[in-house]
Amino acid sequence: MLILFKILLFPVTMALSIITAVCRFVCHFSGALLGIASGLVFIIALLGLILPVTKLPASMYVMMFTLAFVISPYGLPKLADWLIDKLDDLNITIRSI
């Protein structure tokens, strides 16, 4: 009975393995691009505070700093990496049955 159950779960584990691998690749690639964008947004916000060329309120710069943190490697890419790890844990749990 256990062998039959493992045979039935094999396509699920294969699909989870492929999905996890593709998601890891996309996460690392997009994390690199978002890291560059985060740096640019941070520099623009910092220069906007130091050199007040425009008459934007300070709350706009706070929002820019928040956006820079959210798209930095410690924001959304870290959350996506955590979710991919949980998906991989599910795959390992299914394989161990």
PDB file of N, CA and C in Angstrom:
ATOM      1  N   MET A   1       0.824  -1.202   0.000  1.00  0.00           N
ATOM      2  CA  MET A   1       0.000   0.000   0.000  1.00  0.00           C
ATOM      3  C   MET A   1       0.865   1.262   0.000  1.00  0.00           C
ATOM      4  N   LEU A   2       1.956   1.223   0.761  1.00  0.00           N
ATOM      5  CA  LEU A   2       2.845   2.374   0.832  1.00  0.00           C
ATOM      6  C   LEU A   2       3.531   2.616  -0.510  1.00  0.00           C
ATOM      7  N   ILE A   3       3.890   1.550  -1.201  1.00  0.00           N
ATOM      8  CA  ILE A   3       4.530   1.684  -2.510  1.00  0.00           C
ATOM      9  C   ILE A   3       3.563   2.345  -3.503  1.00  0.00           C
ATOM     10  N   LEU A   4       2.298   1.945  -3.468  1.00  0.00           N
ATOM     11  CA  LEU A   4       1.298   2.539  -4.347  1.00  0.00           C
ATOM     12  C   LEU A   4       1.125   4.028  -4.040  1.00  0.00           C
ATOM     13  N   PHE A   5       1.138   4.374  -2.775  1.00  0.00           N
ATOM     14  CA  PHE A   5       1.012   5.770  -2.371  1.00  0.00           C
ATOM     15  C   PHE A   5       2.215   6.590  -2.860  1.00  0.00           C
ATOM     16  N   LYS A   6       3.419   5.999  -2.787  1.00  0.00           N
ATOM     17  CA  LYS A   6       4.625   6.687  -3.268  1.00  0.00           C
ATOM     18  C   LYS A   6       4.581   6.862  -4.780  1.00  0.00           C
ATOM     19  N   ILE A   7       4.066   5.872  -5.471  1.00  0.00           N
ATOM     20  CA  ILE A   7       3.953   5.975  -6.932  1.00  0.00           C
ATOM     21  C   ILE A   7       2.965   7.068  -7.312  1.00  0.00           C
ATOM     22  N   LEU A   8       1.881   7.177  -6.575  1.00  0.00           N
ATOM     23  CA  LEU A   8       0.898   8.220  -6.848  1.00  0.00           C
ATOM     24  C   LEU A   8       1.430   9.621  -6.534  1.00  0.00           C
ATOM     25  N   LEU A   9       2.308   9.741  -5.543  1.00  0.00           N
ATOM     26  CA  LEU A   9       2.855  11.044  -5.161  1.00  0.00           C
ATOM     27  C   LEU A   9       4.091  11.447  -5.964  1.00  0.00           C
ATOM     28  N   PHE A  10       4.614  10.534  -6.771  1.00  0.00           N
ATOM     29  CA  PHE A  10       5.818  10.848  -7.543  1.00  0.00           C
ATOM     30  C   PHE A  10       5.628  12.039  -8.484  1.00  0.00           C
ATOM     31  N   PRO A  11       4.526  12.117  -9.262  1.00  0.00           N
ATOM     32  CA  PRO A  11       4.363  13.303 -10.118  1.00  0.00           C
ATOM     33  C   PRO A  11       4.259  14.616  -9.328  1.00  0.00           C
ATOM     34  N   VAL A  12       3.689  14.549  -8.140  1.00  0.00           N
ATOM     35  CA  VAL A  12       3.586  15.754  -7.312  1.00  0.00           C
ATOM     36  C   VAL A  12       4.974  16.213  -6.884  1.00  0.00           C
ATOM     37  N   THR A  13       5.816  15.280  -6.463  1.00  0.00           N
ATOM     38  CA  THR A  13       7.168  15.651  -6.038  1.00  0.00           C
ATOM     39  C   THR A  13       7.997  16.160  -7.219  1.00  0.00           C
ATOM     40  N   MET A  14       7.807  15.571  -8.385  1.00  0.00           N
ATOM     41  CA  MET A  14       8.540  16.059  -9.563  1.00  0.00           C
ATOM     42  C   MET A  14       8.100  17.478  -9.918  1.00  0.00           C
ATOM     43  N   ALA A  15       6.802  17.712  -9.892  1.00  0.00           N
ATOM     44  CA  ALA A  15       6.290  19.054 -10.202  1.00  0.00           C
ATOM     45  C   ALA A  15       6.784  20.071  -9.174  1.00  0.00           C
ATOM     46  N   LEU A  16       6.757  19.706  -7.897  1.00  0.00           N
ATOM     47  CA  LEU A  16       7.240  20.620  -6.855  1.00  0.00           C
ATOM     48  C   LEU A  16       8.735  20.892  -7.006  1.00  0.00           C
ATOM     49  N   SER A  17       9.501  19.891  -7.408  1.00  0.00           N
ATOM     50  CA  SER A  17      10.939  20.084  -7.610  1.00  0.00           C
ATOM     51  C   SER A  17      11.205  21.062  -8.747  1.00  0.00           C
ATOM     52  N   ILE A  18      10.475  20.900  -9.846  1.00  0.00           N
ATOM     53  CA  ILE A  18      10.664  21.787 -10.995  1.00  0.00           C
ATOM     54  C   ILE A  18      10.190  23.200 -10.664  1.00  0.00           C
ATOM     55  N   ILE A  19       9.051  23.317 -10.021  1.00  0.00           N
ATOM     56  CA  ILE A  19       8.527  24.638  -9.646  1.00  0.00           C
ATOM     57  C   ILE A  19       9.477  25.343  -8.687  1.00  0.00           C
ATOM     58  N   THR A  20      10.024  24.608  -7.732  1.00  0.00           N
ATOM     59  CA  THR A  20      10.957  25.195  -6.769  1.00  0.00           C
ATOM     60  C   THR A  20      12.220  25.684  -7.465  1.00  0.00           C
ATOM     61  N   ALA A  21      12.745  24.882  -8.390  1.00  0.00           N
ATOM     62  CA  ALA A  21      13.963  25.278  -9.104  1.00  0.00           C
ATOM     63  C   ALA A  21      13.729  26.526  -9.954  1.00  0.00           C
ATOM     64  N   VAL A  22      12.614  26.565 -10.669  1.00  0.00           N
ATOM     65  CA  VAL A  22      12.308  27.732 -11.502  1.00  0.00           C
ATOM     66  C   VAL A  22      12.091  28.969 -10.631  1.00  0.00           C
ATOM     67  N   CYS A  23      11.374  28.803  -9.534  1.00  0.00           N
ATOM     68  CA  CYS A  23      11.131  29.939  -8.639  1.00  0.00           C
ATOM     69  C   CYS A  23      12.421  30.450  -8.007  1.00  0.00           C
ATOM     70  N   ARG A  24      13.336  29.570  -7.665  1.00  0.00           N
ATOM     71  CA  ARG A  24      14.628  30.010  -7.112  1.00  0.00           C
ATOM     72  C   ARG A  24      15.402  30.830  -8.139  1.00  0.00           C
ATOM     73  N   PHE A  25      15.415  30.350  -9.404  1.00  0.00           N
ATOM     74  CA  PHE A  25      16.111  31.094 -10.452  1.00  0.00           C
ATOM     75  C   PHE A  25      15.498  32.480 -10.635  1.00  0.00           C
ATOM     76  N   VAL A  26      14.194  32.539 -10.736  1.00  0.00           N
ATOM     77  CA  VAL A  26      13.508  33.819 -10.929  1.00  0.00           C
ATOM     78  C   VAL A  26      13.732  34.732  -9.723  1.00  0.00           C
ATOM     79  N   CYS A  27      13.711  34.157  -8.537  1.00  0.00           N
ATOM     80  CA  CYS A  27      13.898  34.948  -7.318  1.00  0.00           C
ATOM     81  C   CYS A  27      15.303  35.552  -7.266  1.00  0.00           C
ATOM     82  N   HIS A  28      16.315  34.776  -7.611  1.00  0.00           N
ATOM     83  CA  HIS A  28      17.681  35.301  -7.577  1.00  0.00           C
ATOM     84  C   HIS A  28      17.900  36.349  -8.666  1.00  0.00           C
ATOM     85  N   PHE A  29      17.360  36.094  -9.847  1.00  0.00           N
ATOM     86  CA  PHE A  29      17.515  37.045 -10.944  1.00  0.00           C
ATOM     87  C   PHE A  29      16.787  38.356 -10.641  1.00  0.00           C
ATOM     88  N   SER A  30      15.547  38.257 -10.196  1.00  0.00           N
ATOM     89  CA  SER A  30      14.798  39.475  -9.890  1.00  0.00           C
ATOM     90  C   SER A  30      15.357  40.171  -8.651  1.00  0.00           C
ATOM     91  N   GLY A  31      15.908  39.401  -7.715  1.00  0.00           N
ATOM     92  CA  GLY A  31      16.526  40.009  -6.543  1.00  0.00           C
ATOM     93  C   GLY A  31      17.712  40.876  -6.914  1.00  0.00           C
ATOM     94  N   ALA A  32      18.472  40.433  -7.904  1.00  0.00           N
ATOM     95  CA  ALA A  32      19.601  41.239  -8.359  1.00  0.00           C
ATOM     96  C   ALA A  32      19.117  42.535  -9.009  1.00  0.00           C
ATOM     97  N   LEU A  33      18.103  42.421  -9.848  1.00  0.00           N
ATOM     98  CA  LEU A  33      17.566  43.626 -10.497  1.00  0.00           C
ATOM     99  C   LEU A  33      16.927  44.570  -9.485  1.00  0.00           C
ATOM    100  N   LEU A  34      16.193  44.012  -8.522  1.00  0.00           N
ATOM    101  CA  LEU A  34      15.574  44.856  -7.502  1.00  0.00           C
ATOM    102  C   LEU A  34      16.615  45.488  -6.586  1.00  0.00           C
ATOM    103  N   GLY A  35      17.736  44.806  -6.373  1.00  0.00           N
ATOM    104  CA  GLY A  35      18.811  45.394  -5.579  1.00  0.00           C
ATOM    105  C   GLY A  35      19.388  46.635  -6.249  1.00  0.00           C
ATOM    106  N   ILE A  36      19.552  46.563  -7.570  1.00  0.00           N
ATOM    107  CA  ILE A  36      20.044  47.732  -8.315  1.00  0.00           C
ATOM    108  C   ILE A  36      19.020  48.860  -8.252  1.00  0.00           C
ATOM    109  N   ALA A  37      17.754  48.526  -8.469  1.00  0.00           N
ATOM    110  CA  ALA A  37      16.701  49.545  -8.417  1.00  0.00           C
ATOM    111  C   ALA A  37      16.602  50.158  -7.024  1.00  0.00           C
ATOM    112  N   SER A  38      16.777  49.338  -5.996  1.00  0.00           N
ATOM    113  CA  SER A  38      16.728  49.831  -4.625  1.00  0.00           C
ATOM    114  C   SER A  38      17.845  50.834  -4.364  1.00  0.00           C
ATOM    115  N   GLY A  39      19.028  50.510  -4.848  1.00  0.00           N
ATOM    116  CA  GLY A  39      20.147  51.436  -4.686  1.00  0.00           C
ATOM    117  C   GLY A  39      19.900  52.768  -5.377  1.00  0.00           C
ATOM    118  N   LEU A  40      19.321  52.712  -6.574  1.00  0.00           N
ATOM    119  CA  LEU A  40      19.034  53.947  -7.298  1.00  0.00           C
ATOM    120  C   LEU A  40      17.982  54.797  -6.587  1.00  0.00           C
ATOM    121  N   VAL A  41      16.924  54.152  -6.112  1.00  0.00           N
ATOM    122  CA  VAL A  41      15.874  54.891  -5.399  1.00  0.00           C
ATOM    123  C   VAL A  41      16.438  55.499  -4.119  1.00  0.00           C
ATOM    124  N   PHE A  42      17.297  54.757  -3.416  1.00  0.00           N
ATOM    125  CA  PHE A  42      17.895  55.269  -2.187  1.00  0.00           C
ATOM    126  C   PHE A  42      18.787  56.477  -2.471  1.00  0.00           C
ATOM    127  N   ILE A  43      19.590  56.385  -3.517  1.00  0.00           N
ATOM    128  CA  ILE A  43      20.480  57.505  -3.857  1.00  0.00           C
ATOM    129  C   ILE A  43      19.677  58.730  -4.275  1.00  0.00           C
ATOM    130  N   ILE A  44      18.616  58.519  -5.059  1.00  0.00           N
ATOM    131  CA  ILE A  44      17.779  59.649  -5.471  1.00  0.00           C
ATOM    132  C   ILE A  44      17.119  60.303  -4.254  1.00  0.00           C
ATOM    133  N   ALA A  45      16.621  59.491  -3.335  1.00  0.00           N
ATOM    134  CA  ALA A  45      15.989  60.053  -2.135  1.00  0.00           C
ATOM    135  C   ALA A  45      17.008  60.782  -1.270  1.00  0.00           C
ATOM    136  N   LEU A  46      18.192  60.213  -1.140  1.00  0.00           N
ATOM    137  CA  LEU A  46      19.231  60.849  -0.330  1.00  0.00           C
ATOM    138  C   LEU A  46      19.679  62.168  -0.946  1.00  0.00           C
ATOM    139  N   LEU A  47      19.877  62.177  -2.252  1.00  0.00           N
ATOM    140  CA  LEU A  47      20.254  63.427  -2.912  1.00  0.00           C
ATOM    141  C   LEU A  47      19.125  64.453  -2.858  1.00  0.00           C
ATOM    142  N   GLY A  48      17.888  64.001  -2.886  1.00  0.00           N
ATOM    143  CA  GLY A  48      16.758  64.914  -2.771  1.00  0.00           C
ATOM    144  C   GLY A  48      16.694  65.575  -1.407  1.00  0.00           C
ATOM    145  N   LEU A  49      17.110  64.850  -0.381  1.00  0.00           N
ATOM    146  CA  LEU A  49      17.130  65.448   0.957  1.00  0.00           C
ATOM    147  C   LEU A  49      18.318  66.385   1.140  1.00  0.00           C
ATOM    148  N   ILE A  50      19.475  65.994   0.597  1.00  0.00           N
ATOM    149  CA  ILE A  50      20.685  66.806   0.779  1.00  0.00           C
ATOM    150  C   ILE A  50      20.655  68.043  -0.108  1.00  0.00           C
ATOM    151  N   LEU A  51      20.290  67.851  -1.373  1.00  0.00           N
ATOM    152  CA  LEU A  51      20.237  68.956  -2.330  1.00  0.00           C
ATOM    153  C   LEU A  51      18.785  69.239  -2.685  1.00  0.00           C
ATOM    154  N   PRO A  52      18.143  70.099  -1.967  1.00  0.00           N
ATOM    155  CA  PRO A  52      16.707  70.327  -2.221  1.00  0.00           C
ATOM    156  C   PRO A  52      16.459  71.076  -3.525  1.00  0.00           C
ATOM    157  N   VAL A  53      16.554  70.366  -4.643  1.00  0.00           N
ATOM    158  CA  VAL A  53      16.318  70.964  -5.953  1.00  0.00           C
ATOM    159  C   VAL A  53      14.818  71.130  -6.174  1.00  0.00           C
ATOM    160  N   THR A  54      14.058  70.145  -5.764  1.00  0.00           N
ATOM    161  CA  THR A  54      12.610  70.220  -5.914  1.00  0.00           C
ATOM    162  C   THR A  54      11.985  70.612  -4.578  1.00  0.00           C
ATOM    163  N   LYS A  55      10.742  70.975  -4.628  1.00  0.00           N
ATOM    164  CA  LYS A  55      10.025  71.368  -3.418  1.00  0.00           C
ATOM    165  C   LYS A  55       9.095  70.257  -2.952  1.00  0.00           C
ATOM    166  N   LEU A  56       9.617  69.039  -2.892  1.00  0.00           N
ATOM    167  CA  LEU A  56       8.815  67.917  -2.422  1.00  0.00           C
ATOM    168  C   LEU A  56       8.788  67.903  -0.895  1.00  0.00           C
ATOM    169  N   PRO A  57       7.689  67.501  -0.317  1.00  0.00           N
ATOM    170  CA  PRO A  57       7.647  67.407   1.150  1.00  0.00           C
ATOM    171  C   PRO A  57       8.522  66.250   1.644  1.00  0.00           C
ATOM    172  N   ALA A  58       8.892  66.322   2.902  1.00  0.00           N
ATOM    173  CA  ALA A  58       9.766  65.293   3.478  1.00  0.00           C
ATOM    174  C   ALA A  58       9.084  63.928   3.504  1.00  0.00           C
ATOM    175  N   SER A  59       7.763  63.915   3.547  1.00  0.00           N
ATOM    176  CA  SER A  59       7.062  62.627   3.562  1.00  0.00           C
ATOM    177  C   SER A  59       7.274  61.860   2.259  1.00  0.00           C
ATOM    178  N   MET A  60       7.495  62.566   1.148  1.00  0.00           N
ATOM    179  CA  MET A  60       7.785  61.901  -0.115  1.00  0.00           C
ATOM    180  C   MET A  60       9.120  61.159  -0.047  1.00  0.00           C
ATOM    181  N   TYR A  61      10.091  61.778   0.589  1.00  0.00           N
ATOM    182  CA  TYR A  61      11.393  61.133   0.713  1.00  0.00           C
ATOM    183  C   TYR A  61      11.326  59.942   1.666  1.00  0.00           C
ATOM    184  N   VAL A  62      10.512  60.042   2.698  1.00  0.00           N
ATOM    185  CA  VAL A  62      10.318  58.908   3.600  1.00  0.00           C
ATOM    186  C   VAL A  62       9.678  57.751   2.837  1.00  0.00           C
ATOM    187  N   MET A  63       8.730  58.064   1.969  1.00  0.00           N
ATOM    188  CA  MET A  63       8.115  57.017   1.153  1.00  0.00           C
ATOM    189  C   MET A  63       9.128  56.404   0.191  1.00  0.00           C
ATOM    190  N   MET A  64      10.036  57.219  -0.335  1.00  0.00           N
ATOM    191  CA  MET A  64      11.067  56.690  -1.235  1.00  0.00           C
ATOM    192  C   MET A  64      12.037  55.785  -0.480  1.00  0.00           C
ATOM    193  N   PHE A  65      12.406  56.176   0.749  1.00  0.00           N
ATOM    194  CA  PHE A  65      13.273  55.325   1.557  1.00  0.00           C
ATOM    195  C   PHE A  65      12.574  54.009   1.898  1.00  0.00           C
ATOM    196  N   THR A  66      11.281  54.073   2.181  1.00  0.00           N
ATOM    197  CA  THR A  66      10.513  52.861   2.472  1.00  0.00           C
ATOM    198  C   THR A  66      10.450  51.964   1.252  1.00  0.00           C
ATOM    199  N   LEU A  67      10.216  52.543   0.086  1.00  0.00           N
ATOM    200  CA  LEU A  67      10.202  51.769  -1.155  1.00  0.00           C
ATOM    201  C   LEU A  67      11.562  51.138  -1.407  1.00  0.00           C
ATOM    202  N   ALA A  68      12.631  51.878  -1.143  1.00  0.00           N
ATOM    203  CA  ALA A  68      13.970  51.330  -1.339  1.00  0.00           C
ATOM    204  C   ALA A  68      14.211  50.140  -0.412  1.00  0.00           C
ATOM    205  N   PHE A  69      13.702  50.211   0.806  1.00  0.00           N
ATOM    206  CA  PHE A  69      13.865  49.076   1.714  1.00  0.00           C
ATOM    207  C   PHE A  69      13.024  47.889   1.274  1.00  0.00           C
ATOM    208  N   VAL A  70      11.801  48.144   0.829  1.00  0.00           N
ATOM    209  CA  VAL A  70      10.902  47.046   0.450  1.00  0.00           C
ATOM    210  C   VAL A  70      11.453  46.280  -0.746  1.00  0.00           C
ATOM    211  N   ILE A  71      12.039  46.965  -1.724  1.00  0.00           N
ATOM    212  CA  ILE A  71      12.566  46.260  -2.887  1.00  0.00           C
ATOM    213  C   ILE A  71      14.027  45.870  -2.725  1.00  0.00           C
ATOM    214  N   SER A  72      14.625  46.179  -1.585  1.00  0.00           N
ATOM    215  CA  SER A  72      16.003  45.770  -1.330  1.00  0.00           C
ATOM    216  C   SER A  72      16.053  44.267  -1.079  1.00  0.00           C
ATOM    217  N   PRO A  73      17.247  43.679  -1.037  1.00  0.00           N
ATOM    218  CA  PRO A  73      17.337  42.232  -0.779  1.00  0.00           C
ATOM    219  C   PRO A  73      16.785  41.802   0.577  1.00  0.00           C
ATOM    220  N   TYR A  74      16.482  42.724   1.467  1.00  0.00           N
ATOM    221  CA  TYR A  74      15.923  42.371   2.771  1.00  0.00           C
ATOM    222  C   TYR A  74      14.408  42.528   2.820  1.00  0.00           C
ATOM    223  N   GLY A  75      13.792  42.906   1.720  1.00  0.00           N
ATOM    224  CA  GLY A  75      12.347  43.099   1.684  1.00  0.00           C
ATOM    225  C   GLY A  75      11.651  41.974   0.949  1.00  0.00           C
ATOM    226  N   LEU A  76      11.116  42.284  -0.214  1.00  0.00           N
ATOM    227  CA  LEU A  76      10.354  41.312  -0.993  1.00  0.00           C
ATOM    228  C   LEU A  76      11.160  40.083  -1.426  1.00  0.00           C
ATOM    229  N   PRO A  77      12.419  40.239  -1.868  1.00  0.00           N
ATOM    230  CA  PRO A  77      13.164  39.025  -2.229  1.00  0.00           C
ATOM    231  C   PRO A  77      13.369  38.071  -1.047  1.00  0.00           C
ATOM    232  N   LYS A  78      13.525  38.608   0.155  1.00  0.00           N
ATOM    233  CA  LYS A  78      13.662  37.753   1.333  1.00  0.00           C
ATOM    234  C   LYS A  78      12.362  37.015   1.628  1.00  0.00           C
ATOM    235  N   LEU A  79      11.232  37.692   1.454  1.00  0.00           N
ATOM    236  CA  LEU A  79       9.930  37.054   1.628  1.00  0.00           C
ATOM    237  C   LEU A  79       9.717  35.964   0.580  1.00  0.00           C
ATOM    238  N   ALA A  80      10.082  36.240  -0.665  1.00  0.00           N
ATOM    239  CA  ALA A  80       9.940  35.236  -1.717  1.00  0.00           C
ATOM    240  C   ALA A  80      10.844  34.040  -1.452  1.00  0.00           C
ATOM    241  N   ASP A  81      12.050  34.288  -0.959  1.00  0.00           N
ATOM    242  CA  ASP A  81      12.965  33.198  -0.628  1.00  0.00           C
ATOM    243  C   ASP A  81      12.409  32.346   0.511  1.00  0.00           C
ATOM    244  N   TRP A  82      11.774  32.980   1.483  1.00  0.00           N
ATOM    245  CA  TRP A  82      11.163  32.235   2.587  1.00  0.00           C
ATOM    246  C   TRP A  82      10.031  31.348   2.075  1.00  0.00           C
ATOM    247  N   LEU A  83       9.203  31.898   1.178  1.00  0.00           N
ATOM    248  CA  LEU A  83       8.103  31.114   0.622  1.00  0.00           C
ATOM    249  C   LEU A  83       8.614  29.937  -0.205  1.00  0.00           C
ATOM    250  N   ILE A  84       9.677  30.142  -0.946  1.00  0.00           N
ATOM    251  CA  ILE A  84      10.255  29.045  -1.731  1.00  0.00           C
ATOM    252  C   ILE A  84      10.828  27.982  -0.802  1.00  0.00           C
ATOM    253  N   ASP A  85      11.436  28.392   0.305  1.00  0.00           N
ATOM    254  CA  ASP A  85      11.932  27.422   1.284  1.00  0.00           C
ATOM    255  C   ASP A  85      10.794  26.594   1.872  1.00  0.00           C
ATOM    256  N   LYS A  86       9.667  27.228   2.142  1.00  0.00           N
ATOM    257  CA  LYS A  86       8.512  26.485   2.669  1.00  0.00           C
ATOM    258  C   LYS A  86       7.968  25.505   1.628  1.00  0.00           C
ATOM    259  N   LEU A  87       7.986  25.891   0.361  1.00  0.00           N
ATOM    260  CA  LEU A  87       7.563  24.993  -0.709  1.00  0.00           C
ATOM    261  C   LEU A  87       8.518  23.815  -0.831  1.00  0.00           C
ATOM    262  N   ASP A  88       9.805  24.081  -0.661  1.00  0.00           N
ATOM    263  CA  ASP A  88      10.794  22.997  -0.683  1.00  0.00           C
ATOM    264  C   ASP A  88      10.637  22.084   0.531  1.00  0.00           C
ATOM    265  N   ASP A  89      10.311  22.646   1.691  1.00  0.00           N
ATOM    266  CA  ASP A  89      10.045  21.823   2.867  1.00  0.00           C
ATOM    267  C   ASP A  89       8.847  20.908   2.642  1.00  0.00           C
ATOM    268  N   LEU A  90       7.816  21.422   1.986  1.00  0.00           N
ATOM    269  CA  LEU A  90       6.667  20.595   1.639  1.00  0.00           C
ATOM    270  C   LEU A  90       7.072  19.459   0.721  1.00  0.00           C
ATOM    271  N   ASN A  91       7.918  19.754  -0.239  1.00  0.00           N
ATOM    272  CA  ASN A  91       8.411  18.721  -1.158  1.00  0.00           C
ATOM    273  C   ASN A  91       9.191  17.655  -0.411  1.00  0.00           C
ATOM    274  N   ILE A  92      10.038  18.051   0.514  1.00  0.00           N
ATOM    275  CA  ILE A  92      10.819  17.089   1.305  1.00  0.00           C
ATOM    276  C   ILE A  92       9.908  16.249   2.183  1.00  0.00           C
ATOM    277  N   THR A  93       8.883  16.880   2.749  1.00  0.00           N
ATOM    278  CA  THR A  93       7.930  16.147   3.579  1.00  0.00           C
ATOM    279  C   THR A  93       7.182  15.096   2.763  1.00  0.00           C
ATOM    280  N   ILE A  94       6.761  15.463   1.572  1.00  0.00           N
ATOM    281  CA  ILE A  94       6.072  14.500   0.709  1.00  0.00           C
ATOM    282  C   ILE A  94       7.005  13.376   0.302  1.00  0.00           C
ATOM    283  N   ARG A  95       8.264  13.688   0.026  1.00  0.00           N
ATOM    284  CA  ARG A  95       9.220  12.641  -0.347  1.00  0.00           C
ATOM    285  C   ARG A  95       9.502  11.673   0.793  1.00  0.00           C
ATOM    286  N   SER A  96       9.442  12.157   2.013  1.00  0.00           N
ATOM    287  CA  SER A  96       9.773  11.300   3.160  1.00  0.00           C
ATOM    288  C   SER A  96       8.654  10.336   3.528  1.00  0.00           C
ATOM    289  N   ILE A  97       7.491  10.480   2.904  1.00  0.00           N
ATOM    290  CA  ILE A  97       6.374   9.575   3.197  1.00  0.00           C
ATOM    291  C   ILE A  97       6.681   8.195   2.647  1.00  0.00           C
TER     292      ILE A  97
END
